[in-house]
C-alpha cells in the first residue's frame, strides 16, 4: 500500500481481489481495529488482482465538505 498526502486529502494505491468502479466506496481495516472509507478514483487489472487508487478527505478539506 502506498499513501500520498496533500494538505486536504490522502491518496492510496492498493491491490485488492475484486474490481471497483470510480466513486465506489472502498472500506479498509485499520491496525487498531477500526475502518476507513475511501472513494475509488481508478481501478485497473494487476497481475496480483486489481490495483485501486482511492482518496479520502482530511479535516481541512473545504472542497468536498465531508467529515471523517
PDB file of N, CA and C in Angstrom:
ATOM      1  N   UNK A   1       0.855  -1.167   0.000  1.00  0.00           N
ATOM      2  CA  UNK A   1       0.000   0.000   0.000  1.00  0.00           C
ATOM      3  C   UNK A   1       0.903   1.233   0.000  1.00  0.00           C
ATOM      4  N   UNK A   2       0.565   2.181  -0.834  1.00  0.00           N
ATOM      5  CA  UNK A   2       1.306   3.427  -0.944  1.00  0.00           C
ATOM      6  C   UNK A   2       0.361   4.578  -0.621  1.00  0.00           C
ATOM      7  N   UNK A   3       0.758   5.463   0.320  1.00  0.00           N
ATOM      8  CA  UNK A   3      -0.084   6.596   0.715  1.00  0.00           C
ATOM      9  C   UNK A   3       0.628   7.895   0.363  1.00  0.00           C
ATOM     10  N   UNK A   4      -0.101   8.793  -0.292  1.00  0.00           N
ATOM     11  CA  UNK A   4       0.388  10.148  -0.565  1.00  0.00           C
ATOM     12  C   UNK A   4      -0.548  11.122   0.119  1.00  0.00           C
ATOM     13  N   UNK A   5       0.025  12.196   0.657  1.00  0.00           N
ATOM     14  CA  UNK A   5      -0.789  13.197   1.339  1.00  0.00           C
ATOM     15  C   UNK A   5      -0.633  14.553   0.671  1.00  0.00           C
ATOM     16  N   UNK A   6      -1.744  15.255   0.577  1.00  0.00           N
ATOM     17  CA  UNK A   6      -1.757  16.654   0.189  1.00  0.00           C
ATOM     18  C   UNK A   6      -2.314  17.393   1.403  1.00  0.00           C
ATOM     19  N   UNK A   7      -2.344  18.701   1.400  1.00  0.00           N
ATOM     20  CA  UNK A   7      -2.883  19.384   2.585  1.00  0.00           C
ATOM     21  C   UNK A   7      -4.326  19.001   2.934  1.00  0.00           C
ATOM     22  N   UNK A   8      -5.122  18.638   1.942  1.00  0.00           N
ATOM     23  CA  UNK A   8      -6.545  18.379   2.192  1.00  0.00           C
ATOM     24  C   UNK A   8      -6.989  16.934   1.987  1.00  0.00           C
ATOM     25  N   UNK A   9      -6.158  16.085   1.390  1.00  0.00           N
ATOM     26  CA  UNK A   9      -6.567  14.723   1.047  1.00  0.00           C
ATOM     27  C   UNK A   9      -5.435  13.723   1.248  1.00  0.00           C
ATOM     28  N   UNK A  10      -5.822  12.467   1.375  1.00  0.00           N
ATOM     29  CA  UNK A  10      -4.888  11.346   1.335  1.00  0.00           C
ATOM     30  C   UNK A  10      -5.265  10.501   0.133  1.00  0.00           C
ATOM     31  N   UNK A  11      -4.265  10.001  -0.588  1.00  0.00           N
ATOM     32  CA  UNK A  11      -4.491   9.144  -1.746  1.00  0.00           C
ATOM     33  C   UNK A  11      -3.713   7.858  -1.531  1.00  0.00           C
ATOM     34  N   UNK A  12      -4.358   6.709  -1.736  1.00  0.00           N
ATOM     35  CA  UNK A  12      -3.688   5.426  -1.599  1.00  0.00           C
ATOM     36  C   UNK A  12      -3.727   4.676  -2.918  1.00  0.00           C
ATOM     37  N   UNK A  13      -2.741   3.803  -3.099  1.00  0.00           N
ATOM     38  CA  UNK A  13      -2.739   2.819  -4.166  1.00  0.00           C
ATOM     39  C   UNK A  13      -2.604   1.469  -3.480  1.00  0.00           C
ATOM     40  N   UNK A  14      -3.558   0.601  -3.704  1.00  0.00           N
ATOM     41  CA  UNK A  14      -3.602  -0.683  -3.022  1.00  0.00           C
ATOM     42  C   UNK A  14      -4.087  -1.746  -3.994  1.00  0.00           C
ATOM     43  N   UNK A  15      -3.600  -2.974  -3.825  1.00  0.00           N
ATOM     44  CA  UNK A  15      -4.044  -4.090  -4.648  1.00  0.00           C
ATOM     45  C   UNK A  15      -5.087  -4.880  -3.865  1.00  0.00           C
ATOM     46  N   UNK A  16      -6.229  -5.110  -4.516  1.00  0.00           N
ATOM     47  CA  UNK A  16      -7.343  -5.825  -3.894  1.00  0.00           C
ATOM     48  C   UNK A  16      -7.763  -6.989  -4.782  1.00  0.00           C
ATOM     49  N   UNK A  17      -8.669  -7.800  -4.296  1.00  0.00           N
ATOM     50  CA  UNK A  17      -9.078  -9.008  -5.029  1.00  0.00           C
ATOM     51  C   UNK A  17     -10.189  -8.801  -6.033  1.00  0.00           C
ATOM     52  N   UNK A  18     -10.975  -7.739  -5.868  1.00  0.00           N
ATOM     53  CA  UNK A  18     -12.092  -7.534  -6.797  1.00  0.00           C
ATOM     54  C   UNK A  18     -11.989  -6.158  -7.428  1.00  0.00           C
ATOM     55  N   UNK A  19     -12.698  -5.980  -8.531  1.00  0.00           N
ATOM     56  CA  UNK A  19     -12.651  -4.691  -9.225  1.00  0.00           C
ATOM     57  C   UNK A  19     -13.680  -3.722  -8.651  1.00  0.00           C
ATOM     58  N   UNK A  20     -13.398  -2.444  -8.801  1.00  0.00           N
ATOM     59  CA  UNK A  20     -14.267  -1.369  -8.336  1.00  0.00           C
ATOM     60  C   UNK A  20     -14.512  -0.405  -9.478  1.00  0.00           C
ATOM     61  N   UNK A  21     -15.604   0.313  -9.393  1.00  0.00           N
ATOM     62  CA  UNK A  21     -15.914   1.379 -10.335  1.00  0.00           C
ATOM     63  C   UNK A  21     -15.538   2.712  -9.694  1.00  0.00           C
ATOM     64  N   UNK A  22     -15.238   3.739 -10.513  1.00  0.00           N
ATOM     65  CA  UNK A  22     -14.984   5.059  -9.929  1.00  0.00           C
ATOM     66  C   UNK A  22     -16.164   5.512  -9.066  1.00  0.00           C
ATOM     67  N   UNK A  23     -15.852   6.137  -7.960  1.00  0.00           N
ATOM     68  CA  UNK A  23     -16.791   6.660  -6.961  1.00  0.00           C
ATOM     69  C   UNK A  23     -17.379   5.583  -6.054  1.00  0.00           C
ATOM     70  N   UNK A  24     -16.982   4.311  -6.229  1.00  0.00           N
ATOM     71  CA  UNK A  24     -17.370   3.280  -5.257  1.00  0.00           C
ATOM     72  C   UNK A  24     -16.676   3.571  -3.934  1.00  0.00           C
ATOM     73  N   UNK A  25     -17.209   3.020  -2.868  1.00  0.00           N
ATOM     74  CA  UNK A  25     -16.596   3.151  -1.551  1.00  0.00           C
ATOM     75  C   UNK A  25     -15.698   1.936  -1.304  1.00  0.00           C
ATOM     76  N   UNK A  26     -14.481   2.203  -0.869  1.00  0.00           N
ATOM     77  CA  UNK A  26     -13.526   1.160  -0.509  1.00  0.00           C
ATOM     78  C   UNK A  26     -13.328   1.249   0.999  1.00  0.00           C
ATOM     79  N   UNK A  27     -13.656   0.181   1.709  1.00  0.00           N
ATOM     80  CA  UNK A  27     -13.517   0.171   3.169  1.00  0.00           C
ATOM     81  C   UNK A  27     -12.247  -0.599   3.503  1.00  0.00           C
ATOM     82  N   UNK A  28     -11.346   0.061   4.217  1.00  0.00           N
ATOM     83  CA  UNK A  28     -10.069  -0.534   4.621  1.00  0.00           C
ATOM     84  C   UNK A  28     -10.057  -0.719   6.129  1.00  0.00           C
ATOM     85  N   UNK A  29      -9.539  -1.841   6.583  1.00  0.00           N
ATOM     86  CA  UNK A  29      -9.392  -2.090   8.017  1.00  0.00           C
ATOM     87  C   UNK A  29      -8.113  -1.425   8.503  1.00  0.00           C
ATOM     88  N   UNK A  30      -8.214  -0.753   9.628  1.00  0.00           N
ATOM     89  CA  UNK A  30      -7.069  -0.084  10.239  1.00  0.00           C
ATOM     90  C   UNK A  30      -6.431  -1.017  11.268  1.00  0.00           C
ATOM     91  N   UNK A  31      -5.219  -0.708  11.646  1.00  0.00           N
ATOM     92  CA  UNK A  31      -4.495  -1.554  12.601  1.00  0.00           C
ATOM     93  C   UNK A  31      -5.166  -1.633  13.962  1.00  0.00           C
ATOM     94  N   UNK A  32      -5.774  -0.567  14.411  1.00  0.00           N
ATOM     95  CA  UNK A  32      -6.408  -0.554  15.726  1.00  0.00           C
ATOM     96  C   UNK A  32      -7.762  -1.229  15.763  1.00  0.00           C
ATOM     97  N   UNK A  33      -8.188  -1.816  14.669  1.00  0.00           N
ATOM     98  CA  UNK A  33      -9.479  -2.482  14.614  1.00  0.00           C
ATOM     99  C   UNK A  33     -10.568  -1.640  13.982  1.00  0.00           C
ATOM    100  N   UNK A  34     -10.269  -0.372  13.712  1.00  0.00           N
ATOM    101  CA  UNK A  34     -11.253   0.497  13.077  1.00  0.00           C
ATOM    102  C   UNK A  34     -11.266   0.334  11.564  1.00  0.00           C
ATOM    103  N   UNK A  35     -12.063   1.139  10.923  1.00  0.00           N
ATOM    104  CA  UNK A  35     -12.167   1.105   9.466  1.00  0.00           C
ATOM    105  C   UNK A  35     -12.050   2.514   8.905  1.00  0.00           C
ATOM    106  N   UNK A  36     -11.569   2.608   7.679  1.00  0.00           N
ATOM    107  CA  UNK A  36     -11.534   3.893   6.993  1.00  0.00           C
ATOM    108  C   UNK A  36     -12.243   3.736   5.653  1.00  0.00           C
ATOM    109  N   UNK A  37     -12.925   4.788   5.238  1.00  0.00           N
ATOM    110  CA  UNK A  37     -13.694   4.753   3.991  1.00  0.00           C
ATOM    111  C   UNK A  37     -13.010   5.652   2.978  1.00  0.00           C
ATOM    112  N   UNK A  38     -12.764   5.101   1.795  1.00  0.00           N
ATOM    113  CA  UNK A  38     -12.072   5.786   0.718  1.00  0.00           C
ATOM    114  C   UNK A  38     -12.977   5.828  -0.501  1.00  0.00           C
ATOM    115  N   UNK A  39     -12.822   6.841  -1.349  1.00  0.00           N
ATOM    116  CA  UNK A  39     -13.561   6.945  -2.604  1.00  0.00           C
ATOM    117  C   UNK A  39     -12.641   6.510  -3.738  1.00  0.00           C
ATOM    118  N   UNK A  40     -13.082   5.535  -4.529  1.00  0.00           N
ATOM    119  CA  UNK A  40     -12.263   4.995  -5.617  1.00  0.00           C
ATOM    120  C   UNK A  40     -12.179   6.005  -6.753  1.00  0.00           C
ATOM    121  N   UNK A  41     -10.956   6.236  -7.225  1.00  0.00           N
ATOM    122  CA  UNK A  41     -10.726   7.104  -8.375  1.00  0.00           C
ATOM    123  C   UNK A  41     -10.473   6.289  -9.636  1.00  0.00           C
ATOM    124  N   UNK A  42      -9.594   5.284  -9.541  1.00  0.00           N
ATOM    125  CA  UNK A  42      -9.229   4.433 -10.673  1.00  0.00           C
ATOM    126  C   UNK A  42      -9.133   2.996 -10.205  1.00  0.00           C
ATOM    127  N   UNK A  43      -9.345   2.075 -11.142  1.00  0.00           N
ATOM    128  CA  UNK A  43      -9.164   0.650 -10.871  1.00  0.00           C
ATOM    129  C   UNK A  43      -8.682   0.006 -12.158  1.00  0.00           C
ATOM    130  N   UNK A  44      -7.555  -0.721 -12.071  1.00  0.00           N
ATOM    131  CA  UNK A  44      -7.034  -1.386 -13.259  1.00  0.00           C
ATOM    132  C   UNK A  44      -6.515  -2.764 -12.895  1.00  0.00           C
ATOM    133  N   UNK A  45      -6.539  -3.664 -13.879  1.00  0.00           N
ATOM    134  CA  UNK A  45      -6.105  -5.037 -13.671  1.00  0.00           C
ATOM    135  C   UNK A  45      -4.620  -5.061 -13.355  1.00  0.00           C
ATOM    136  N   UNK A  46      -4.251  -5.894 -12.392  1.00  0.00           N
ATOM    137  CA  UNK A  46      -2.875  -6.037 -11.936  1.00  0.00           C
ATOM    138  C   UNK A  46      -2.560  -7.533 -11.916  1.00  0.00           C
ATOM    139  N   UNK A  47      -1.301  -7.948 -12.051  1.00  0.00           N
ATOM    140  CA  UNK A  47      -1.009  -9.392 -12.007  1.00  0.00           C
ATOM    141  C   UNK A  47      -1.449 -10.078 -10.709  1.00  0.00           C
ATOM    142  N   UNK A  48      -1.601  -9.321  -9.632  1.00  0.00           N
ATOM    143  CA  UNK A  48      -1.975  -9.896  -8.340  1.00  0.00           C
ATOM    144  C   UNK A  48      -3.410  -9.602  -7.941  1.00  0.00           C
ATOM    145  N   UNK A  49      -4.202  -9.032  -8.816  1.00  0.00           N
ATOM    146  CA  UNK A  49      -5.596  -8.683  -8.524  1.00  0.00           C
ATOM    147  C   UNK A  49      -5.976  -7.407  -9.249  1.00  0.00           C
ATOM    148  N   UNK A  50      -6.477  -6.429  -8.513  1.00  0.00           N
ATOM    149  CA  UNK A  50      -6.869  -5.140  -9.077  1.00  0.00           C
ATOM    150  C   UNK A  50      -6.144  -4.031  -8.330  1.00  0.00           C
ATOM    151  N   UNK A  51      -5.522  -3.137  -9.055  1.00  0.00           N
ATOM    152  CA  UNK A  51      -4.834  -2.001  -8.450  1.00  0.00           C
ATOM    153  C   UNK A  51      -5.817  -0.839  -8.371  1.00  0.00           C
ATOM    154  N   UNK A  52      -6.103  -0.388  -7.148  1.00  0.00           N
ATOM    155  CA  UNK A  52      -7.090   0.655  -6.906  1.00  0.00           C
ATOM    156  C   UNK A  52      -6.385   1.902  -6.398  1.00  0.00           C
ATOM    157  N   UNK A  53      -6.740   3.039  -6.971  1.00  0.00           N
ATOM    158  CA  UNK A  53      -6.314   4.339  -6.470  1.00  0.00           C
ATOM    159  C   UNK A  53      -7.550   4.984  -5.867  1.00  0.00           C
ATOM    160  N   UNK A  54      -7.444   5.372  -4.592  1.00  0.00           N
ATOM    161  CA  UNK A  54      -8.593   5.930  -3.887  1.00  0.00           C
ATOM    162  C   UNK A  54      -8.152   7.117  -3.037  1.00  0.00           C
ATOM    163  N   UNK A  55      -9.102   7.975  -2.665  1.00  0.00           N
ATOM    164  CA  UNK A  55      -8.802   9.147  -1.846  1.00  0.00           C
ATOM    165  C   UNK A  55      -9.809   9.298  -0.733  1.00  0.00           C
ATOM    166  N   UNK A  56      -9.395  10.046   0.284  1.00  0.00           N
ATOM    167  CA  UNK A  56     -10.318  10.448   1.345  1.00  0.00           C
ATOM    168  C   UNK A  56      -9.951  11.862   1.770  1.00  0.00           C
ATOM    169  N   UNK A  57     -10.948  12.575   2.232  1.00  0.00           N
ATOM    170  CA  UNK A  57     -10.765  13.962   2.659  1.00  0.00           C
ATOM    171  C   UNK A  57     -10.223  14.008   4.074  1.00  0.00           C
ATOM    172  N   UNK A  58      -9.334  14.958   4.316  1.00  0.00           N
ATOM    173  CA  UNK A  58      -8.861  15.237   5.659  1.00  0.00           C
ATOM    174  C   UNK A  58      -9.747  16.318   6.262  1.00  0.00           C
ATOM    175  N   UNK A  59      -9.566  16.583   7.526  1.00  0.00           N
ATOM    176  CA  UNK A  59     -10.414  17.554   8.219  1.00  0.00           C
ATOM    177  C   UNK A  59     -10.324  18.949   7.611  1.00  0.00           C
ATOM    178  N   UNK A  60      -9.213  19.274   6.960  1.00  0.00           N
ATOM    179  CA  UNK A  60      -9.020  20.610   6.385  1.00  0.00           C
ATOM    180  C   UNK A  60      -9.662  20.782   5.010  1.00  0.00           C
ATOM    181  N   UNK A  61     -10.276  19.733   4.453  1.00  0.00           N
ATOM    182  CA  UNK A  61     -10.860  19.805   3.113  1.00  0.00           C
ATOM    183  C   UNK A  61     -12.079  20.725   3.097  1.00  0.00           C
ATOM    184  N   UNK A  62     -12.023  21.734   2.264  1.00  0.00           N
ATOM    185  CA  UNK A  62     -13.145  22.659   2.106  1.00  0.00           C
ATOM    186  C   UNK A  62     -13.868  22.432   0.769  1.00  0.00           C
ATOM    187  N   UNK A  63     -13.301  21.591  -0.085  1.00  0.00           N
ATOM    188  CA  UNK A  63     -13.872  21.361  -1.413  1.00  0.00           C
ATOM    189  C   UNK A  63     -15.055  20.394  -1.347  1.00  0.00           C
ATOM    190  N   UNK A  64     -14.906  19.293  -0.653  1.00  0.00           N
ATOM    191  CA  UNK A  64     -15.923  18.254  -0.638  1.00  0.00           C
ATOM    192  C   UNK A  64     -16.844  18.345   0.561  1.00  0.00           C
ATOM    193  N   UNK A  65     -16.483  19.116   1.565  1.00  0.00           N
ATOM    194  CA  UNK A  65     -17.322  19.363   2.741  1.00  0.00           C
ATOM    195  C   UNK A  65     -17.767  18.082   3.418  1.00  0.00           C
ATOM    196  N   UNK A  66     -16.857  17.143   3.554  1.00  0.00           N
ATOM    197  CA  UNK A  66     -17.189  15.870   4.232  1.00  0.00           C
ATOM    198  C   UNK A  66     -16.415  15.796   5.528  1.00  0.00           C
ATOM    199  N   UNK A  67     -17.001  15.113   6.483  1.00  0.00           N
ATOM    200  CA  UNK A  67     -16.331  14.929   7.768  1.00  0.00           C
ATOM    201  C   UNK A  67     -16.008  13.458   7.947  1.00  0.00           C
ATOM    202  N   UNK A  68     -14.886  13.216   8.601  1.00  0.00           N
ATOM    203  CA  UNK A  68     -14.493  11.843   8.897  1.00  0.00           C
ATOM    204  C   UNK A  68     -14.866  11.489  10.295  1.00  0.00           C
TER     205      UNK A  68
END
